[in-house]
Amino acid sequence: MPINIDRFEDEPTDALDIKEGTQPHTILTFLATNDEQAFTQTEIHEATEITRGSVGVVLSRLEERGLVRHRGRYWAIAEDERLASYAAQQAASSSSTTDNYYGETDE
């Protein structure tokens, strides 16, 4: 879908444009919520249920954008200021769904 040229010109180049529900979003969310660990492609595949072949391609593209880093077989979220707020948002989102804010629910 095309965008207006003014939006094209005014949009910050450092903004994260990762759409919710996409494979990059799923992988970044997983890595951001586990930012104290690094994972193999197989572990990322098992945790996200994204096909093994797709995990490698997505990780490579995210690495090109500086959003993930890798050493040997292991991948982790990058140390990038754009990701600091993303990781905080993901952690807050996951804790809000697991806390007892609304009390016990009857099933």
PDB file of N, CA and C in Angstrom:
ATOM      1  N   MET A   1       0.843  -1.158   0.000  1.00  0.00           N
ATOM      2  CA  MET A   1       0.000   0.000   0.000  1.00  0.00           C
ATOM      3  C   MET A   1       0.899   1.236   0.000  1.00  0.00           C
ATOM      4  N   PRO A   2       0.695   2.151  -0.910  1.00  0.00           N
ATOM      5  CA  PRO A   2       1.517   3.363  -0.959  1.00  0.00           C
ATOM      6  C   PRO A   2       1.207   4.289   0.207  1.00  0.00           C
ATOM      7  N   ILE A   3       2.192   5.107   0.558  1.00  0.00           N
ATOM      8  CA  ILE A   3       1.990   6.106   1.604  1.00  0.00           C
ATOM      9  C   ILE A   3       2.190   7.496   1.003  1.00  0.00           C
ATOM     10  N   ASN A   4       1.658   8.487   1.665  1.00  0.00           N
ATOM     11  CA  ASN A   4       1.788   9.871   1.260  1.00  0.00           C
ATOM     12  C   ASN A   4       3.253  10.280   1.299  1.00  0.00           C
ATOM     13  N   ILE A   5       3.709  11.085   0.347  1.00  0.00           N
ATOM     14  CA  ILE A   5       5.112  11.490   0.275  1.00  0.00           C
ATOM     15  C   ILE A   5       5.530  12.290   1.504  1.00  0.00           C
ATOM     16  N   ASP A   6       4.611  13.056   2.090  1.00  0.00           N
ATOM     17  CA  ASP A   6       4.945  13.800   3.309  1.00  0.00           C
ATOM     18  C   ASP A   6       5.259  12.836   4.457  1.00  0.00           C
ATOM     19  N   ARG A   7       4.476  11.791   4.555  1.00  0.00           N
ATOM     20  CA  ARG A   7       4.752  10.778   5.586  1.00  0.00           C
ATOM     21  C   ARG A   7       6.093  10.114   5.322  1.00  0.00           C
ATOM     22  N   PHE A   8       6.358   9.820   4.055  1.00  0.00           N
ATOM     23  CA  PHE A   8       7.634   9.220   3.666  1.00  0.00           C
ATOM     24  C   PHE A   8       8.797  10.107   4.085  1.00  0.00           C
ATOM     25  N   GLU A   9       8.677  11.402   3.821  1.00  0.00           N
ATOM     26  CA  GLU A   9       9.751  12.341   4.131  1.00  0.00           C
ATOM     27  C   GLU A   9       9.898  12.596   5.622  1.00  0.00           C
ATOM     28  N   ASP A  10       8.780  12.603   6.361  1.00  0.00           N
ATOM     29  CA  ASP A  10       8.798  12.981   7.771  1.00  0.00           C
ATOM     30  C   ASP A  10       9.023  11.828   8.736  1.00  0.00           C
ATOM     31  N   GLU A  11       8.833  10.613   8.273  1.00  0.00           N
ATOM     32  CA  GLU A  11       8.957   9.472   9.173  1.00  0.00           C
ATOM     33  C   GLU A  11      10.400   9.316   9.627  1.00  0.00           C
ATOM     34  N   PRO A  12      10.620   9.167  10.941  1.00  0.00           N
ATOM     35  CA  PRO A  12      11.989   9.021  11.434  1.00  0.00           C
ATOM     36  C   PRO A  12      12.635   7.735  10.916  1.00  0.00           C
ATOM     37  N   THR A  13      13.899   7.836  10.569  1.00  0.00           N
ATOM     38  CA  THR A  13      14.593   6.671  10.022  1.00  0.00           C
ATOM     39  C   THR A  13      14.923   5.641  11.091  1.00  0.00           C
ATOM     40  N   ASP A  14      14.901   6.057  12.366  1.00  0.00           N
ATOM     41  CA  ASP A  14      15.248   5.120  13.427  1.00  0.00           C
ATOM     42  C   ASP A  14      14.029   4.439  14.042  1.00  0.00           C
ATOM     43  N   ALA A  15      12.837   4.677  13.487  1.00  0.00           N
ATOM     44  CA  ALA A  15      11.628   4.054  14.024  1.00  0.00           C
ATOM     45  C   ALA A  15      11.608   2.565  13.689  1.00  0.00           C
ATOM     46  N   LEU A  16      11.126   1.791  14.636  1.00  0.00           N
ATOM     47  CA  LEU A  16      10.960   0.361  14.391  1.00  0.00           C
ATOM     48  C   LEU A  16       9.644   0.159  13.661  1.00  0.00           C
ATOM     49  N   ASP A  17       9.711  -0.433  12.497  1.00  0.00           N
ATOM     50  CA  ASP A  17       8.503  -0.699  11.720  1.00  0.00           C
ATOM     51  C   ASP A  17       8.309  -2.206  11.648  1.00  0.00           C
ATOM     52  N   ILE A  18       7.955  -2.774  12.776  1.00  0.00           N
ATOM     53  CA  ILE A  18       7.728  -4.211  12.867  1.00  0.00           C
ATOM     54  C   ILE A  18       6.251  -4.402  13.169  1.00  0.00           C
ATOM     55  N   LYS A  19       5.522  -4.930  12.214  1.00  0.00           N
ATOM     56  CA  LYS A  19       4.080  -5.085  12.373  1.00  0.00           C
ATOM     57  C   LYS A  19       3.752  -6.282  13.257  1.00  0.00           C
ATOM     58  N   GLU A  20       2.808  -6.052  14.155  1.00  0.00           N
ATOM     59  CA  GLU A  20       2.353  -7.106  15.050  1.00  0.00           C
ATOM     60  C   GLU A  20       1.787  -8.266  14.242  1.00  0.00           C
ATOM     61  N   GLY A  21       2.114  -9.482  14.675  1.00  0.00           N
ATOM     62  CA  GLY A  21       1.619 -10.677  14.004  1.00  0.00           C
ATOM     63  C   GLY A  21       2.553 -11.218  12.931  1.00  0.00           C
ATOM     64  N   THR A  22       3.601 -10.462  12.589  1.00  0.00           N
ATOM     65  CA  THR A  22       4.548 -10.935  11.584  1.00  0.00           C
ATOM     66  C   THR A  22       5.609 -11.801  12.247  1.00  0.00           C
ATOM     67  N   GLN A  23       6.340 -12.545  11.444  1.00  0.00           N
ATOM     68  CA  GLN A  23       7.419 -13.375  11.986  1.00  0.00           C
ATOM     69  C   GLN A  23       8.505 -12.528  12.660  1.00  0.00           C
ATOM     70  N   PRO A  24       8.934 -11.404  12.068  1.00  0.00           N
ATOM     71  CA  PRO A  24       9.919 -10.575  12.773  1.00  0.00           C
ATOM     72  C   PRO A  24       9.406 -10.093  14.130  1.00  0.00           C
ATOM     73  N   HIS A  25       8.138  -9.713  14.194  1.00  0.00           N
ATOM     74  CA  HIS A  25       7.557  -9.266  15.459  1.00  0.00           C
ATOM     75  C   HIS A  25       7.571 -10.406  16.478  1.00  0.00           C
ATOM     76  N   THR A  26       7.179 -11.591  16.047  1.00  0.00           N
ATOM     77  CA  THR A  26       7.140 -12.746  16.948  1.00  0.00           C
ATOM     78  C   THR A  26       8.525 -13.052  17.502  1.00  0.00           C
ATOM     79  N   ILE A  27       9.533 -13.049  16.640  1.00  0.00           N
ATOM     80  CA  ILE A  27      10.895 -13.356  17.083  1.00  0.00           C
ATOM     81  C   ILE A  27      11.435 -12.254  17.981  1.00  0.00           C
ATOM     82  N   LEU A  28      11.232 -10.992  17.604  1.00  0.00           N
ATOM     83  CA  LEU A  28      11.693  -9.884  18.451  1.00  0.00           C
ATOM     84  C   LEU A  28      11.006  -9.902  19.809  1.00  0.00           C
ATOM     85  N   THR A  29       9.731 -10.198  19.834  1.00  0.00           N
ATOM     86  CA  THR A  29       9.005 -10.277  21.100  1.00  0.00           C
ATOM     87  C   THR A  29       9.590 -11.370  21.975  1.00  0.00           C
ATOM     88  N   PHE A  30       9.845 -12.529  21.394  1.00  0.00           N
ATOM     89  CA  PHE A  30      10.440 -13.636  22.146  1.00  0.00           C
ATOM     90  C   PHE A  30      11.805 -13.243  22.702  1.00  0.00           C
ATOM     91  N   LEU A  31      12.662 -12.685  21.852  1.00  0.00           N
ATOM     92  CA  LEU A  31      14.002 -12.308  22.305  1.00  0.00           C
ATOM     93  C   LEU A  31      13.961 -11.155  23.304  1.00  0.00           C
ATOM     94  N   ALA A  32      13.039 -10.209  23.107  1.00  0.00           N
ATOM     95  CA  ALA A  32      12.944  -9.067  24.023  1.00  0.00           C
ATOM     96  C   ALA A  32      12.468  -9.492  25.403  1.00  0.00           C
ATOM     97  N   THR A  33      11.571 -10.447  25.463  1.00  0.00           N
ATOM     98  CA  THR A  33      11.083 -10.906  26.763  1.00  0.00           C
ATOM     99  C   THR A  33      12.065 -11.858  27.429  1.00  0.00           C
ATOM    100  N   ASN A  34      13.068 -12.285  26.700  1.00  0.00           N
ATOM    101  CA  ASN A  34      14.131 -13.156  27.231  1.00  0.00           C
ATOM    102  C   ASN A  34      15.488 -12.508  26.984  1.00  0.00           C
ATOM    103  N   ASP A  35      15.580 -11.203  27.285  1.00  0.00           N
ATOM    104  CA  ASP A  35      16.763 -10.434  26.910  1.00  0.00           C
ATOM    105  C   ASP A  35      18.024 -10.764  27.704  1.00  0.00           C
ATOM    106  N   GLU A  36      17.918 -11.614  28.690  1.00  0.00           N
ATOM    107  CA  GLU A  36      19.086 -12.035  29.465  1.00  0.00           C
ATOM    108  C   GLU A  36      19.655 -13.363  28.966  1.00  0.00           C
ATOM    109  N   GLN A  37      19.129 -13.852  27.835  1.00  0.00           N
ATOM    110  CA  GLN A  37      19.567 -15.134  27.298  1.00  0.00           C
ATOM    111  C   GLN A  37      19.784 -15.041  25.800  1.00  0.00           C
ATOM    112  N   ALA A  38      20.520 -15.993  25.258  1.00  0.00           N
ATOM    113  CA  ALA A  38      20.715 -16.139  23.817  1.00  0.00           C
ATOM    114  C   ALA A  38      20.244 -17.542  23.432  1.00  0.00           C
ATOM    115  N   PHE A  39      19.746 -17.674  22.218  1.00  0.00           N
ATOM    116  CA  PHE A  39      19.110 -18.913  21.795  1.00  0.00           C
ATOM    117  C   PHE A  39      19.619 -19.374  20.435  1.00  0.00           C
ATOM    118  N   THR A  40      19.561 -20.682  20.210  1.00  0.00           N
ATOM    119  CA  THR A  40      19.863 -21.216  18.883  1.00  0.00           C
ATOM    120  C   THR A  40      18.631 -21.028  18.010  1.00  0.00           C
ATOM    121  N   GLN A  41      18.819 -21.178  16.706  1.00  0.00           N
ATOM    122  CA  GLN A  41      17.679 -21.083  15.787  1.00  0.00           C
ATOM    123  C   GLN A  41      16.639 -22.151  16.105  1.00  0.00           C
ATOM    124  N   THR A  42      17.095 -23.333  16.485  1.00  0.00           N
ATOM    125  CA  THR A  42      16.163 -24.413  16.826  1.00  0.00           C
ATOM    126  C   THR A  42      15.332 -24.042  18.048  1.00  0.00           C
ATOM    127  N   GLU A  43      15.962 -23.448  19.051  1.00  0.00           N
ATOM    128  CA  GLU A  43      15.228 -23.040  20.252  1.00  0.00           C
ATOM    129  C   GLU A  43      14.217 -21.940  19.931  1.00  0.00           C
ATOM    130  N   ILE A  44      14.596 -21.019  19.053  1.00  0.00           N
ATOM    131  CA  ILE A  44      13.671 -19.964  18.645  1.00  0.00           C
ATOM    132  C   ILE A  44      12.504 -20.572  17.874  1.00  0.00           C
ATOM    133  N   HIS A  45      12.806 -21.504  16.983  1.00  0.00           N
ATOM    134  CA  HIS A  45      11.759 -22.217  16.237  1.00  0.00           C
ATOM    135  C   HIS A  45      10.781 -22.900  17.193  1.00  0.00           C
ATOM    136  N   GLU A  46      11.308 -23.617  18.171  1.00  0.00           N
ATOM    137  CA  GLU A  46      10.452 -24.350  19.110  1.00  0.00           C
ATOM    138  C   GLU A  46       9.611 -23.408  19.973  1.00  0.00           C
ATOM    139  N   ALA A  47      10.173 -22.270  20.357  1.00  0.00           N
ATOM    140  CA  ALA A  47       9.450 -21.326  21.215  1.00  0.00           C
ATOM    141  C   ALA A  47       8.394 -20.526  20.455  1.00  0.00           C
ATOM    142  N   THR A  48       8.654 -20.252  19.191  1.00  0.00           N
ATOM    143  CA  THR A  48       7.753 -19.388  18.419  1.00  0.00           C
ATOM    144  C   THR A  48       6.871 -20.144  17.437  1.00  0.00           C
ATOM    145  N   GLU A  49       7.214 -21.395  17.165  1.00  0.00           N
ATOM    146  CA  GLU A  49       6.507 -22.229  16.194  1.00  0.00           C
ATOM    147  C   GLU A  49       6.607 -21.689  14.764  1.00  0.00           C
ATOM    148  N   ILE A  50       7.633 -20.883  14.505  1.00  0.00           N
ATOM    149  CA  ILE A  50       7.935 -20.434  13.148  1.00  0.00           C
ATOM    150  C   ILE A  50       8.815 -21.515  12.527  1.00  0.00           C
ATOM    151  N   THR A  51       8.580 -21.853  11.257  1.00  0.00           N
ATOM    152  CA  THR A  51       9.347 -22.919  10.622  1.00  0.00           C
ATOM    153  C   THR A  51      10.845 -22.636  10.711  1.00  0.00           C
ATOM    154  N   ARG A  52      11.627 -23.697  10.811  1.00  0.00           N
ATOM    155  CA  ARG A  52      13.085 -23.562  10.972  1.00  0.00           C
ATOM    156  C   ARG A  52      13.718 -22.734   9.862  1.00  0.00           C
ATOM    157  N   GLY A  53      13.340 -22.991   8.618  1.00  0.00           N
ATOM    158  CA  GLY A  53      13.909 -22.250   7.504  1.00  0.00           C
ATOM    159  C   GLY A  53      13.604 -20.766   7.571  1.00  0.00           C
ATOM    160  N   SER A  54      12.417 -20.427   8.004  1.00  0.00           N
ATOM    161  CA  SER A  54      12.027 -19.022   8.114  1.00  0.00           C
ATOM    162  C   SER A  54      12.753 -18.318   9.250  1.00  0.00           C
ATOM    163  N   VAL A  55      13.009 -19.032  10.339  1.00  0.00           N
ATOM    164  CA  VAL A  55      13.703 -18.421  11.485  1.00  0.00           C
ATOM    165  C   VAL A  55      15.056 -17.872  11.046  1.00  0.00           C
ATOM    166  N   GLY A  56      15.817 -18.651  10.305  1.00  0.00           N
ATOM    167  CA  GLY A  56      17.139 -18.211   9.859  1.00  0.00           C
ATOM    168  C   GLY A  56      17.080 -16.982   8.981  1.00  0.00           C
ATOM    169  N   VAL A  57      16.129 -16.963   8.054  1.00  0.00           N
ATOM    170  CA  VAL A  57      15.972 -15.822   7.145  1.00  0.00           C
ATOM    171  C   VAL A  57      15.587 -14.575   7.930  1.00  0.00           C
ATOM    172  N   VAL A  58      14.609 -14.705   8.833  1.00  0.00           N
ATOM    173  CA  VAL A  58      14.155 -13.555   9.625  1.00  0.00           C
ATOM    174  C   VAL A  58      15.285 -13.029  10.498  1.00  0.00           C
ATOM    175  N   LEU A  59      16.018 -13.923  11.147  1.00  0.00           N
ATOM    176  CA  LEU A  59      17.127 -13.490  11.998  1.00  0.00           C
ATOM    177  C   LEU A  59      18.187 -12.743  11.192  1.00  0.00           C
ATOM    178  N   SER A  60      18.489 -13.228  10.009  1.00  0.00           N
ATOM    179  CA  SER A  60      19.480 -12.551   9.163  1.00  0.00           C
ATOM    180  C   SER A  60      19.021 -11.143   8.800  1.00  0.00           C
ATOM    181  N   ARG A  61      17.766 -10.997   8.459  1.00  0.00           N
ATOM    182  CA  ARG A  61      17.237  -9.674   8.109  1.00  0.00           C
ATOM    183  C   ARG A  61      17.216  -8.752   9.323  1.00  0.00           C
ATOM    184  N   LEU A  62      16.854  -9.293  10.480  1.00  0.00           N
ATOM    185  CA  LEU A  62      16.864  -8.482  11.698  1.00  0.00           C
ATOM    186  C   LEU A  62      18.287  -8.073  12.066  1.00  0.00           C
ATOM    187  N   GLU A  63      19.244  -8.956  11.826  1.00  0.00           N
ATOM    188  CA  GLU A  63      20.644  -8.632  12.108  1.00  0.00           C
ATOM    189  C   GLU A  63      21.125  -7.502  11.191  1.00  0.00           C
ATOM    190  N   GLU A  64      20.730  -7.537   9.928  1.00  0.00           N
ATOM    191  CA  GLU A  64      21.099  -6.472   8.987  1.00  0.00           C
ATOM    192  C   GLU A  64      20.598  -5.115   9.457  1.00  0.00           C
ATOM    193  N   ARG A  65      19.470  -5.104  10.146  1.00  0.00           N
ATOM    194  CA  ARG A  65      18.881  -3.858  10.651  1.00  0.00           C
ATOM    195  C   ARG A  65      19.404  -3.504  12.040  1.00  0.00           C
ATOM    196  N   GLY A  66      20.285  -4.352  12.586  1.00  0.00           N
ATOM    197  CA  GLY A  66      20.860  -4.074  13.893  1.00  0.00           C
ATOM    198  C   GLY A  66      19.933  -4.370  15.051  1.00  0.00           C
ATOM    199  N   LEU A  67      18.926  -5.222  14.831  1.00  0.00           N
ATOM    200  CA  LEU A  67      17.937  -5.507  15.866  1.00  0.00           C
ATOM    201  C   LEU A  67      18.236  -6.766  16.666  1.00  0.00           C
ATOM    202  N   VAL A  68      19.051  -7.654  16.107  1.00  0.00           N
ATOM    203  CA  VAL A  68      19.494  -8.844  16.835  1.00  0.00           C
ATOM    204  C   VAL A  68      20.997  -8.987  16.621  1.00  0.00           C
ATOM    205  N   ARG A  69      21.615  -9.756  17.466  1.00  0.00           N
ATOM    206  CA  ARG A  69      23.054 -10.030  17.329  1.00  0.00           C
ATOM    207  C   ARG A  69      23.249 -11.534  17.462  1.00  0.00           C
ATOM    208  N   HIS A  70      24.369 -11.983  16.939  1.00  0.00           N
ATOM    209  CA  HIS A  70      24.608 -13.417  17.077  1.00  0.00           C
ATOM    210  C   HIS A  70      26.095 -13.715  17.123  1.00  0.00           C
ATOM    211  N   ARG A  71      26.382 -14.769  17.885  1.00  0.00           N
ATOM    212  CA  ARG A  71      27.743 -15.296  18.020  1.00  0.00           C
ATOM    213  C   ARG A  71      27.646 -16.805  17.922  1.00  0.00           C
ATOM    214  N   GLY A  72      28.390 -17.345  16.998  1.00  0.00           N
ATOM    215  CA  GLY A  72      28.332 -18.797  16.808  1.00  0.00           C
ATOM    216  C   GLY A  72      26.925 -19.210  16.439  1.00  0.00           C
ATOM    217  N   ARG A  73      26.369 -20.116  17.211  1.00  0.00           N
ATOM    218  CA  ARG A  73      25.013 -20.616  16.946  1.00  0.00           C
ATOM    219  C   ARG A  73      23.930 -19.823  17.672  1.00  0.00           C
ATOM    220  N   TYR A  74      24.325 -18.873  18.517  1.00  0.00           N
ATOM    221  CA  TYR A  74      23.374 -18.219  19.411  1.00  0.00           C
ATOM    222  C   TYR A  74      22.970 -16.827  18.951  1.00  0.00           C
ATOM    223  N   TRP A  75      21.691 -16.501  19.171  1.00  0.00           N
ATOM    224  CA  TRP A  75      21.097 -15.231  18.782  1.00  0.00           C
ATOM    225  C   TRP A  75      20.463 -14.579  20.005  1.00  0.00           C
ATOM    226  N   ALA A  76      20.552 -13.241  20.056  1.00  0.00           N
ATOM    227  CA  ALA A  76      19.957 -12.479  21.157  1.00  0.00           C
ATOM    228  C   ALA A  76      19.477 -11.139  20.631  1.00  0.00           C
ATOM    229  N   ILE A  77      18.656 -10.501  21.414  1.00  0.00           N
ATOM    230  CA  ILE A  77      18.188  -9.164  21.064  1.00  0.00           C
ATOM    231  C   ILE A  77      19.397  -8.227  21.066  1.00  0.00           C
ATOM    232  N   ALA A  78      19.406  -7.268  20.177  1.00  0.00           N
ATOM    233  CA  ALA A  78      20.530  -6.336  20.076  1.00  0.00           C
ATOM    234  C   ALA A  78      20.496  -5.330  21.224  1.00  0.00           C
ATOM    235  N   GLU A  79      21.631  -4.741  21.474  1.00  0.00           N
ATOM    236  CA  GLU A  79      21.712  -3.648  22.438  1.00  0.00           C
ATOM    237  C   GLU A  79      21.562  -2.359  21.643  1.00  0.00           C
ATOM    238  N   ASP A  80      20.329  -1.948  21.455  1.00  0.00           N
ATOM    239  CA  ASP A  80      19.986  -0.812  20.618  1.00  0.00           C
ATOM    240  C   ASP A  80      18.959   0.008  21.371  1.00  0.00           C
ATOM    241  N   GLU A  81      19.139   1.314  21.427  1.00  0.00           N
ATOM    242  CA  GLU A  81      18.209   2.138  22.197  1.00  0.00           C
ATOM    243  C   GLU A  81      16.779   2.050  21.671  1.00  0.00           C
ATOM    244  N   ARG A  82      16.605   1.769  20.382  1.00  0.00           N
ATOM    245  CA  ARG A  82      15.254   1.586  19.848  1.00  0.00           C
ATOM    246  C   ARG A  82      14.581   0.383  20.494  1.00  0.00           C
ATOM    247  N   LEU A  83      15.385  -0.605  20.884  1.00  0.00           N
ATOM    248  CA  LEU A  83      14.829  -1.833  21.437  1.00  0.00           C
ATOM    249  C   LEU A  83      14.585  -1.755  22.933  1.00  0.00           C
ATOM    250  N   ALA A  84      15.177  -0.786  23.609  1.00  0.00           N
ATOM    251  CA  ALA A  84      14.996  -0.678  25.053  1.00  0.00           C
ATOM    252  C   ALA A  84      13.519  -0.469  25.389  1.00  0.00           C
ATOM    253  N   SER A  85      12.875   0.458  24.709  1.00  0.00           N
ATOM    254  CA  SER A  85      11.459   0.693  24.980  1.00  0.00           C
ATOM    255  C   SER A  85      10.617  -0.478  24.479  1.00  0.00           C
ATOM    256  N   TYR A  86      11.027  -1.097  23.381  1.00  0.00           N
ATOM    257  CA  TYR A  86      10.310  -2.262  22.852  1.00  0.00           C
ATOM    258  C   TYR A  86      10.345  -3.398  23.875  1.00  0.00           C
ATOM    259  N   ALA A  87      11.515  -3.671  24.441  1.00  0.00           N
ATOM    260  CA  ALA A  87      11.643  -4.741  25.434  1.00  0.00           C
ATOM    261  C   ALA A  87      10.826  -4.432  26.682  1.00  0.00           C
ATOM    262  N   ALA A  88      10.849  -3.171  27.117  1.00  0.00           N
ATOM    263  CA  ALA A  88      10.068  -2.783  28.293  1.00  0.00           C
ATOM    264  C   ALA A  88       8.576  -2.951  28.037  1.00  0.00           C
ATOM    265  N   GLN A  89       8.154  -2.584  26.848  1.00  0.00           N
ATOM    266  CA  GLN A  89       6.748  -2.721  26.487  1.00  0.00           C
ATOM    267  C   GLN A  89       6.332  -4.186  26.472  1.00  0.00           C
ATOM    268  N   GLN A  90       7.184  -5.045  25.912  1.00  0.00           N
ATOM    269  CA  GLN A  90       6.864  -6.472  25.854  1.00  0.00           C
ATOM    270  C   GLN A  90       6.816  -7.081  27.245  1.00  0.00           C
ATOM    271  N   ALA A  91       7.747  -6.680  28.105  1.00  0.00           N
ATOM    272  CA  ALA A  91       7.772  -7.209  29.476  1.00  0.00           C
ATOM    273  C   ALA A  91       6.527  -6.761  30.238  1.00  0.00           C
ATOM    274  N   ALA A  92       6.134  -5.495  30.072  1.00  0.00           N
ATOM    275  CA  ALA A  92       4.938  -4.985  30.739  1.00  0.00           C
ATOM    276  C   ALA A  92       3.697  -5.699  30.235  1.00  0.00           C
ATOM    277  N   SER A  93       3.647  -5.936  28.942  1.00  0.00           N
ATOM    278  CA  SER A  93       2.503  -6.613  28.349  1.00  0.00           C
ATOM    279  C   SER A  93       2.379  -8.037  28.866  1.00  0.00           C
ATOM    280  N   SER A  94       3.501  -8.756  28.935  1.00  0.00           N
ATOM    281  CA  SER A  94       3.433 -10.144  29.386  1.00  0.00           C
ATOM    282  C   SER A  94       3.139 -10.229  30.875  1.00  0.00           C
ATOM    283  N   SER A  95       3.633  -9.281  31.684  1.00  0.00           N
ATOM    284  CA  SER A  95       3.353  -9.333  33.115  1.00  0.00           C
ATOM    285  C   SER A  95       1.907  -8.945  33.407  1.00  0.00           C
ATOM    286  N   SER A  96       1.335  -8.071  32.591  1.00  0.00           N
ATOM    287  CA  SER A  96      -0.056  -7.677  32.828  1.00  0.00           C
ATOM    288  C   SER A  96      -1.018  -8.821  32.536  1.00  0.00           C
ATOM    289  N   THR A  97      -0.610  -9.762  31.711  1.00  0.00           N
ATOM    290  CA  THR A  97      -1.491 -10.892  31.427  1.00  0.00           C
ATOM    291  C   THR A  97      -1.286 -12.039  32.409  1.00  0.00           C
ATOM    292  N   THR A  98      -0.231 -11.955  33.213  1.00  0.00           N
ATOM    293  CA  THR A  98       0.013 -13.033  34.167  1.00  0.00           C
ATOM    294  C   THR A  98      -0.147 -12.590  35.616  1.00  0.00           C
ATOM    295  N   ASP A  99      -0.370 -11.290  35.860  1.00  0.00           N
ATOM    296  CA  ASP A  99      -0.534 -10.852  37.234  1.00  0.00           C
ATOM    297  C   ASP A  99      -1.961 -11.133  37.697  1.00  0.00           C
ATOM    298  N   ASN A 100      -2.243 -10.830  38.930  1.00  0.00           N
ATOM    299  CA  ASN A 100      -3.554 -11.109  39.503  1.00  0.00           C
ATOM    300  C   ASN A 100      -4.321  -9.816  39.714  1.00  0.00           C
ATOM    301  N   TYR A 101      -4.141  -8.852  38.836  1.00  0.00           N
ATOM    302  CA  TYR A 101      -4.749  -7.538  38.967  1.00  0.00           C
ATOM    303  C   TYR A 101      -6.267  -7.626  39.056  1.00  0.00           C
ATOM    304  N   TYR A 102      -6.868  -8.481  38.254  1.00  0.00           N
ATOM    305  CA  TYR A 102      -8.324  -8.594  38.235  1.00  0.00           C
ATOM    306  C   TYR A 102      -8.848  -9.679  39.170  1.00  0.00           C
ATOM    307  N   GLY A 103      -7.985 -10.242  39.974  1.00  0.00           N
ATOM    308  CA  GLY A 103      -8.413 -11.268  40.916  1.00  0.00           C
ATOM    309  C   GLY A 103      -8.537 -12.623  40.253  1.00  0.00           C
ATOM    310  N   GLU A 104      -8.979 -13.567  41.022  1.00  0.00           N
ATOM    311  CA  GLU A 104      -9.161 -14.920  40.516  1.00  0.00           C
ATOM    312  C   GLU A 104     -10.347 -14.982  39.562  1.00  0.00           C
ATOM    313  N   THR A 105     -10.221 -15.812  38.563  1.00  0.00           N
ATOM    314  CA  THR A 105     -11.335 -15.990  37.628  1.00  0.00           C
ATOM    315  C   THR A 105     -11.912 -17.379  37.815  1.00  0.00           C
ATOM    316  N   ASP A 106     -13.210 -17.470  37.679  1.00  0.00           N
ATOM    317  CA  ASP A 106     -13.877 -18.774  37.739  1.00  0.00           C
ATOM    318  C   ASP A 106     -14.030 -19.296  36.326  1.00  0.00           C
ATOM    319  N   GLU A 107     -13.667 -20.517  36.124  1.00  0.00           N
ATOM    320  CA  GLU A 107     -13.772 -21.120  34.790  1.00  0.00           C
ATOM    321  C   GLU A 107     -15.013 -21.949  34.702  1.00  0.00           C
TER     322      GLU A 107
END
